[in-house]
């Protein structure tokens, strides 16, 4: 399973997508009803030619389509309903990081200091 991914849109995208940090957590997909998950798969297929699983695999391979899918899914799972076909952030300028599990001594020992200087853990919705 993909660990939670925290991201923030580029400054040029703040007006359209906001300046808050967002988190995509794959575990949240498990909370969706079948029809909602099927609707997400359909939108991913129509816009990117990928389904949910293949979009996550594309993200792990560093593909733009995967990054776009994860950013869109994070917002969708936070209650923002927008067309993936119209979702067009500056991907290469987004700040993105993998969320380290809290209380994981090995992860904490390897962790870099937070880029924002905040010690708050990311939530499933945008942070303020």
N, C-alpha and C. Protein backbone atom coordinates (compact mmCIF):
# COMPACT_ATOMS: atom_id res chain seq x y z
N UNK A 1 0.85 -1.18 0.00
CA UNK A 1 0.00 0.00 0.00
C UNK A 1 0.90 1.24 0.00
N UNK A 2 0.49 2.22 -0.77
CA UNK A 2 1.20 3.50 -0.86
C UNK A 2 1.07 4.24 0.48
N UNK A 3 2.20 4.69 1.05
CA UNK A 3 2.08 5.48 2.28
C UNK A 3 1.40 6.81 1.96
N UNK A 4 0.82 7.45 2.96
CA UNK A 4 0.18 8.75 2.70
C UNK A 4 1.16 9.74 2.07
N UNK A 5 0.64 10.53 1.14
CA UNK A 5 1.44 11.53 0.43
C UNK A 5 0.87 12.90 0.76
N UNK A 6 1.73 13.79 1.18
CA UNK A 6 1.34 15.15 1.52
C UNK A 6 1.85 16.07 0.42
N UNK A 7 1.01 17.02 0.00
CA UNK A 7 1.42 17.90 -1.09
C UNK A 7 0.76 19.27 -0.97
N UNK A 8 1.42 20.24 -1.62
CA UNK A 8 0.91 21.60 -1.68
C UNK A 8 1.15 22.12 -3.10
N UNK A 9 0.16 22.80 -3.63
CA UNK A 9 0.24 23.30 -5.00
C UNK A 9 1.21 24.47 -5.10
N UNK A 10 1.72 24.66 -6.31
CA UNK A 10 2.64 25.77 -6.59
C UNK A 10 1.94 27.10 -6.35
N UNK A 11 2.72 28.11 -6.03
CA UNK A 11 2.15 29.43 -5.74
C UNK A 11 1.24 29.92 -6.87
N UNK A 12 1.61 29.65 -8.10
CA UNK A 12 0.80 30.09 -9.24
C UNK A 12 -0.57 29.41 -9.27
N UNK A 13 -0.71 28.28 -8.57
CA UNK A 13 -1.98 27.55 -8.51
C UNK A 13 -2.79 27.84 -7.25
N UNK A 14 -2.28 28.67 -6.36
CA UNK A 14 -2.96 28.90 -5.08
C UNK A 14 -4.36 29.48 -5.26
N UNK A 15 -4.54 30.37 -6.21
CA UNK A 15 -5.87 30.96 -6.40
C UNK A 15 -6.89 29.90 -6.80
N UNK A 16 -6.49 28.98 -7.66
CA UNK A 16 -7.43 27.97 -8.15
C UNK A 16 -7.55 26.76 -7.22
N UNK A 17 -6.44 26.30 -6.64
CA UNK A 17 -6.45 25.06 -5.86
C UNK A 17 -6.15 25.26 -4.38
N UNK A 18 -5.80 26.46 -3.98
CA UNK A 18 -5.53 26.73 -2.58
C UNK A 18 -4.05 26.60 -2.23
N UNK A 19 -3.69 27.14 -1.09
CA UNK A 19 -2.29 27.12 -0.64
C UNK A 19 -2.07 26.14 0.50
N UNK A 20 -3.12 25.45 0.91
CA UNK A 20 -3.02 24.50 2.02
C UNK A 20 -2.28 23.23 1.62
N UNK A 21 -1.79 22.52 2.63
CA UNK A 21 -1.25 21.19 2.41
C UNK A 21 -2.43 20.23 2.31
N UNK A 22 -2.34 19.27 1.39
CA UNK A 22 -3.34 18.23 1.21
C UNK A 22 -2.66 16.89 1.44
N UNK A 23 -3.44 15.87 1.78
CA UNK A 23 -2.89 14.54 1.97
C UNK A 23 -3.73 13.53 1.21
N UNK A 24 -3.06 12.69 0.43
CA UNK A 24 -3.72 11.54 -0.18
C UNK A 24 -3.34 10.33 0.66
N UNK A 25 -4.34 9.62 1.16
CA UNK A 25 -4.13 8.42 1.96
C UNK A 25 -4.89 7.28 1.28
N UNK A 26 -4.14 6.35 0.70
CA UNK A 26 -4.75 5.23 -0.02
C UNK A 26 -5.75 4.46 0.84
N UNK A 27 -5.52 4.39 2.14
CA UNK A 27 -6.43 3.67 3.04
C UNK A 27 -7.84 4.25 2.98
N UNK A 28 -7.96 5.54 2.68
CA UNK A 28 -9.29 6.18 2.58
C UNK A 28 -10.11 5.61 1.42
N UNK A 29 -9.44 5.08 0.40
CA UNK A 29 -10.18 4.46 -0.70
C UNK A 29 -11.00 3.27 -0.21
N UNK A 30 -10.49 2.59 0.81
CA UNK A 30 -11.20 1.44 1.37
C UNK A 30 -12.50 1.81 2.06
N UNK A 31 -12.69 3.09 2.35
CA UNK A 31 -13.92 3.56 3.01
C UNK A 31 -15.01 3.92 2.01
N UNK A 32 -14.69 3.85 0.72
CA UNK A 32 -15.67 4.22 -0.31
C UNK A 32 -16.57 3.05 -0.66
N UNK A 33 -17.80 3.36 -0.94
CA UNK A 33 -18.75 2.37 -1.45
C UNK A 33 -18.34 1.99 -2.87
N UNK A 34 -18.79 0.82 -3.30
CA UNK A 34 -18.40 0.29 -4.61
C UNK A 34 -18.71 1.26 -5.75
N UNK A 35 -19.90 1.85 -5.74
CA UNK A 35 -20.30 2.73 -6.85
C UNK A 35 -19.44 3.99 -6.90
N UNK A 36 -19.06 4.53 -5.76
CA UNK A 36 -18.19 5.71 -5.73
C UNK A 36 -16.81 5.35 -6.27
N UNK A 37 -16.28 4.21 -5.86
CA UNK A 37 -14.98 3.76 -6.35
C UNK A 37 -15.03 3.51 -7.86
N UNK A 38 -16.13 2.95 -8.33
CA UNK A 38 -16.29 2.72 -9.76
C UNK A 38 -16.37 4.04 -10.52
N UNK A 39 -17.01 5.04 -9.95
CA UNK A 39 -17.10 6.35 -10.60
C UNK A 39 -15.71 7.00 -10.68
N UNK A 40 -14.91 6.83 -9.64
CA UNK A 40 -13.54 7.35 -9.64
C UNK A 40 -12.72 6.63 -10.71
N UNK A 41 -12.82 5.31 -10.75
CA UNK A 41 -12.12 4.53 -11.78
C UNK A 41 -12.50 5.00 -13.17
N UNK A 42 -13.79 5.22 -13.39
CA UNK A 42 -14.27 5.65 -14.70
C UNK A 42 -13.66 7.01 -15.09
N UNK A 43 -13.65 7.94 -14.14
CA UNK A 43 -13.10 9.26 -14.43
C UNK A 43 -11.59 9.18 -14.71
N UNK A 44 -10.88 8.38 -13.93
CA UNK A 44 -9.44 8.19 -14.17
C UNK A 44 -9.20 7.57 -15.54
N UNK A 45 -9.99 6.57 -15.91
CA UNK A 45 -9.85 5.92 -17.21
C UNK A 45 -10.11 6.89 -18.36
N UNK A 46 -11.19 7.68 -18.24
CA UNK A 46 -11.55 8.61 -19.31
C UNK A 46 -10.53 9.74 -19.46
N UNK A 47 -10.00 10.24 -18.35
CA UNK A 47 -9.09 11.38 -18.40
C UNK A 47 -7.63 10.98 -18.62
N UNK A 48 -7.22 9.84 -18.04
CA UNK A 48 -5.80 9.47 -18.06
C UNK A 48 -5.51 8.10 -18.66
N UNK A 49 -6.56 7.32 -18.90
CA UNK A 49 -6.35 5.97 -19.40
C UNK A 49 -5.84 5.01 -18.33
N UNK A 50 -6.05 5.37 -17.07
CA UNK A 50 -5.60 4.57 -15.92
C UNK A 50 -6.78 4.30 -15.00
N UNK A 51 -6.69 3.24 -14.19
CA UNK A 51 -7.66 3.07 -13.12
C UNK A 51 -6.99 3.46 -11.80
N UNK A 52 -7.67 3.28 -10.70
CA UNK A 52 -7.11 3.72 -9.42
C UNK A 52 -5.78 3.05 -9.13
N UNK A 53 -5.72 1.74 -9.25
CA UNK A 53 -4.49 1.01 -8.94
C UNK A 53 -3.36 1.39 -9.89
N UNK A 54 -3.63 1.43 -11.19
CA UNK A 54 -2.55 1.77 -12.13
C UNK A 54 -2.11 3.23 -11.98
N UNK A 55 -2.99 4.10 -11.52
CA UNK A 55 -2.58 5.49 -11.30
C UNK A 55 -1.63 5.58 -10.11
N UNK A 56 -1.86 4.78 -9.08
CA UNK A 56 -0.94 4.76 -7.93
C UNK A 56 0.41 4.18 -8.33
N UNK A 57 0.38 3.14 -9.17
CA UNK A 57 1.63 2.57 -9.67
C UNK A 57 2.39 3.60 -10.51
N UNK A 58 1.66 4.37 -11.32
CA UNK A 58 2.28 5.42 -12.14
C UNK A 58 2.91 6.48 -11.25
N UNK A 59 2.26 6.82 -10.13
CA UNK A 59 2.84 7.78 -9.18
C UNK A 59 4.17 7.25 -8.65
N UNK A 60 4.19 5.99 -8.26
CA UNK A 60 5.42 5.39 -7.71
C UNK A 60 6.55 5.36 -8.74
N UNK A 61 6.20 5.28 -10.02
CA UNK A 61 7.21 5.30 -11.09
C UNK A 61 7.63 6.73 -11.45
N UNK A 62 7.01 7.72 -10.83
CA UNK A 62 7.37 9.11 -11.09
C UNK A 62 6.73 9.67 -12.34
N UNK A 63 5.64 9.06 -12.82
CA UNK A 63 4.97 9.53 -14.02
C UNK A 63 4.03 10.69 -13.70
N UNK A 64 3.96 11.65 -14.60
CA UNK A 64 3.10 12.82 -14.41
C UNK A 64 1.64 12.43 -14.23
N UNK A 65 1.17 11.45 -15.00
CA UNK A 65 -0.22 11.03 -14.88
C UNK A 65 -0.51 10.50 -13.48
N UNK A 66 0.45 9.81 -12.89
CA UNK A 66 0.29 9.31 -11.53
C UNK A 66 0.26 10.44 -10.51
N UNK A 67 1.11 11.42 -10.69
CA UNK A 67 1.13 12.58 -9.78
C UNK A 67 -0.17 13.36 -9.88
N UNK A 68 -0.66 13.54 -11.10
CA UNK A 68 -1.93 14.23 -11.30
C UNK A 68 -3.07 13.47 -10.63
N UNK A 69 -3.07 12.16 -10.81
CA UNK A 69 -4.12 11.33 -10.22
C UNK A 69 -4.10 11.40 -8.69
N UNK A 70 -2.93 11.32 -8.08
CA UNK A 70 -2.82 11.35 -6.62
C UNK A 70 -3.27 12.72 -6.08
N UNK A 71 -2.88 13.80 -6.76
CA UNK A 71 -3.30 15.14 -6.31
C UNK A 71 -4.82 15.27 -6.41
N UNK A 72 -5.39 14.79 -7.51
CA UNK A 72 -6.84 14.85 -7.70
C UNK A 72 -7.56 13.96 -6.69
N UNK A 73 -7.05 12.74 -6.50
CA UNK A 73 -7.67 11.80 -5.55
C UNK A 73 -7.65 12.36 -4.12
N UNK A 74 -6.55 12.98 -3.72
CA UNK A 74 -6.47 13.55 -2.38
C UNK A 74 -7.55 14.59 -2.15
N UNK A 75 -7.76 15.44 -3.15
CA UNK A 75 -8.82 16.45 -3.03
C UNK A 75 -10.19 15.78 -3.05
N UNK A 76 -10.37 14.82 -3.93
CA UNK A 76 -11.66 14.12 -4.05
C UNK A 76 -12.02 13.43 -2.72
N UNK A 77 -11.05 12.76 -2.12
CA UNK A 77 -11.30 12.06 -0.86
C UNK A 77 -11.51 13.03 0.30
N UNK A 78 -11.14 14.29 0.10
CA UNK A 78 -11.37 15.34 1.11
C UNK A 78 -12.68 16.08 0.87
N UNK A 79 -13.44 15.65 -0.15
CA UNK A 79 -14.75 16.24 -0.40
C UNK A 79 -14.81 17.24 -1.53
N UNK A 80 -13.68 17.50 -2.20
CA UNK A 80 -13.67 18.42 -3.34
C UNK A 80 -14.03 17.63 -4.59
N UNK A 81 -15.16 17.94 -5.17
CA UNK A 81 -15.58 17.26 -6.39
C UNK A 81 -15.31 18.19 -7.57
N UNK A 82 -14.37 17.79 -8.41
CA UNK A 82 -14.02 18.56 -9.59
C UNK A 82 -13.66 17.59 -10.70
N UNK A 83 -13.82 18.01 -11.90
CA UNK A 83 -13.54 17.19 -13.06
C UNK A 83 -12.03 16.96 -13.19
N UNK A 84 -11.64 15.71 -13.32
CA UNK A 84 -10.23 15.41 -13.54
C UNK A 84 -9.79 15.94 -14.90
N UNK A 85 -10.68 15.95 -15.87
CA UNK A 85 -10.35 16.47 -17.20
C UNK A 85 -9.99 17.95 -17.15
N UNK A 86 -10.51 18.69 -16.17
CA UNK A 86 -10.23 20.13 -16.03
C UNK A 86 -9.17 20.43 -14.97
N UNK A 87 -8.72 19.42 -14.25
CA UNK A 87 -7.74 19.59 -13.17
C UNK A 87 -6.35 19.68 -13.80
N UNK A 88 -5.68 20.82 -13.67
CA UNK A 88 -4.45 21.06 -14.42
C UNK A 88 -3.42 21.86 -13.62
N UNK A 89 -2.98 21.34 -12.47
CA UNK A 89 -1.99 22.08 -11.67
C UNK A 89 -0.59 21.97 -12.27
N UNK A 90 0.29 22.82 -11.80
CA UNK A 90 1.71 22.78 -12.18
C UNK A 90 2.38 21.67 -11.36
N UNK A 91 2.39 20.47 -11.89
CA UNK A 91 2.87 19.30 -11.15
C UNK A 91 4.33 19.41 -10.73
N UNK A 92 5.17 19.87 -11.62
CA UNK A 92 6.60 19.89 -11.33
C UNK A 92 6.97 20.94 -10.28
N UNK A 93 6.06 21.85 -10.00
CA UNK A 93 6.32 22.88 -8.99
C UNK A 93 5.62 22.60 -7.66
N UNK A 94 4.85 21.51 -7.60
CA UNK A 94 4.19 21.14 -6.34
C UNK A 94 5.22 20.65 -5.34
N UNK A 95 4.98 20.93 -4.08
CA UNK A 95 5.79 20.34 -3.00
C UNK A 95 5.12 19.03 -2.63
N UNK A 96 5.89 17.95 -2.61
CA UNK A 96 5.34 16.63 -2.32
C UNK A 96 6.27 15.90 -1.37
N UNK A 97 5.68 15.19 -0.41
CA UNK A 97 6.49 14.40 0.51
C UNK A 97 5.69 13.20 0.99
N UNK A 98 6.39 12.14 1.30
CA UNK A 98 5.77 10.94 1.86
C UNK A 98 5.64 11.16 3.36
N UNK A 99 4.48 10.86 3.91
CA UNK A 99 4.24 11.03 5.35
C UNK A 99 4.81 9.84 6.09
N UNK A 100 5.69 10.13 7.04
CA UNK A 100 6.27 9.07 7.88
C UNK A 100 5.29 8.71 8.98
N UNK A 101 5.14 7.41 9.27
CA UNK A 101 4.23 7.01 10.35
C UNK A 101 4.69 7.56 11.70
N UNK A 102 3.75 8.07 12.49
CA UNK A 102 4.09 8.57 13.83
C UNK A 102 4.47 7.40 14.72
N UNK A 103 5.47 7.63 15.56
CA UNK A 103 5.87 6.60 16.52
C UNK A 103 6.77 5.55 15.92
N UNK A 104 7.12 5.67 14.65
CA UNK A 104 8.00 4.72 13.99
C UNK A 104 9.43 5.19 14.24
N UNK A 105 10.12 4.55 15.19
CA UNK A 105 11.45 5.00 15.61
C UNK A 105 12.43 5.00 14.44
N UNK A 106 12.37 3.97 13.59
CA UNK A 106 13.27 3.90 12.44
C UNK A 106 12.98 5.04 11.46
N UNK A 107 11.70 5.29 11.19
CA UNK A 107 11.33 6.37 10.27
C UNK A 107 11.72 7.72 10.85
N UNK A 108 11.55 7.90 12.16
CA UNK A 108 11.90 9.17 12.79
C UNK A 108 13.41 9.39 12.76
N UNK A 109 14.19 8.32 12.92
CA UNK A 109 15.65 8.45 12.90
C UNK A 109 16.13 8.84 11.51
N UNK A 110 15.45 8.34 10.47
CA UNK A 110 15.83 8.63 9.09
C UNK A 110 15.20 9.91 8.56
N UNK A 111 14.24 10.46 9.27
CA UNK A 111 13.45 11.59 8.74
C UNK A 111 14.27 12.87 8.70
N UNK A 112 14.03 13.63 7.64
CA UNK A 112 14.59 14.98 7.54
C UNK A 112 13.69 15.90 8.33
N UNK A 113 14.20 17.04 8.77
CA UNK A 113 13.32 18.01 9.45
C UNK A 113 12.22 18.45 8.49
N UNK A 114 11.02 18.73 9.01
CA UNK A 114 9.93 19.16 8.13
C UNK A 114 10.30 20.43 7.37
N UNK A 115 9.92 20.47 6.11
CA UNK A 115 10.25 21.61 5.26
C UNK A 115 9.55 22.88 5.74
N UNK A 116 8.38 22.73 6.35
CA UNK A 116 7.62 23.90 6.76
C UNK A 116 7.91 24.32 8.19
N UNK A 117 8.63 23.50 8.91
CA UNK A 117 8.91 23.80 10.31
C UNK A 117 7.76 23.44 11.22
N UNK A 118 6.71 22.83 10.68
CA UNK A 118 5.55 22.44 11.47
C UNK A 118 5.72 21.01 11.94
N UNK A 119 5.35 20.74 13.18
CA UNK A 119 5.42 19.38 13.69
C UNK A 119 4.06 18.71 13.71
N UNK A 120 3.05 19.40 13.18
CA UNK A 120 1.71 18.82 13.16
C UNK A 120 1.66 17.71 12.14
N UNK A 121 0.90 16.66 12.44
CA UNK A 121 0.75 15.58 11.48
C UNK A 121 -0.30 15.98 10.46
N UNK A 122 -0.12 15.56 9.19
CA UNK A 122 -1.08 15.94 8.16
C UNK A 122 -2.42 15.26 8.35
N UNK A 123 -3.45 15.93 7.94
CA UNK A 123 -4.81 15.39 8.03
C UNK A 123 -5.29 15.00 6.66
N UNK A 124 -6.46 14.41 6.58
CA UNK A 124 -7.04 13.99 5.31
C UNK A 124 -7.61 15.17 4.55
N UNK A 125 -7.66 16.32 5.18
CA UNK A 125 -8.20 17.52 4.54
C UNK A 125 -7.10 18.57 4.52
N UNK A 126 -7.30 19.65 3.81
CA UNK A 126 -6.24 20.66 3.77
C UNK A 126 -5.94 21.19 5.16
N UNK A 127 -4.67 21.46 5.37
CA UNK A 127 -4.25 22.00 6.67
C UNK A 127 -4.28 23.50 6.61
N UNK A 128 -4.53 24.10 7.72
CA UNK A 128 -4.56 25.57 7.77
C UNK A 128 -3.34 26.10 8.47
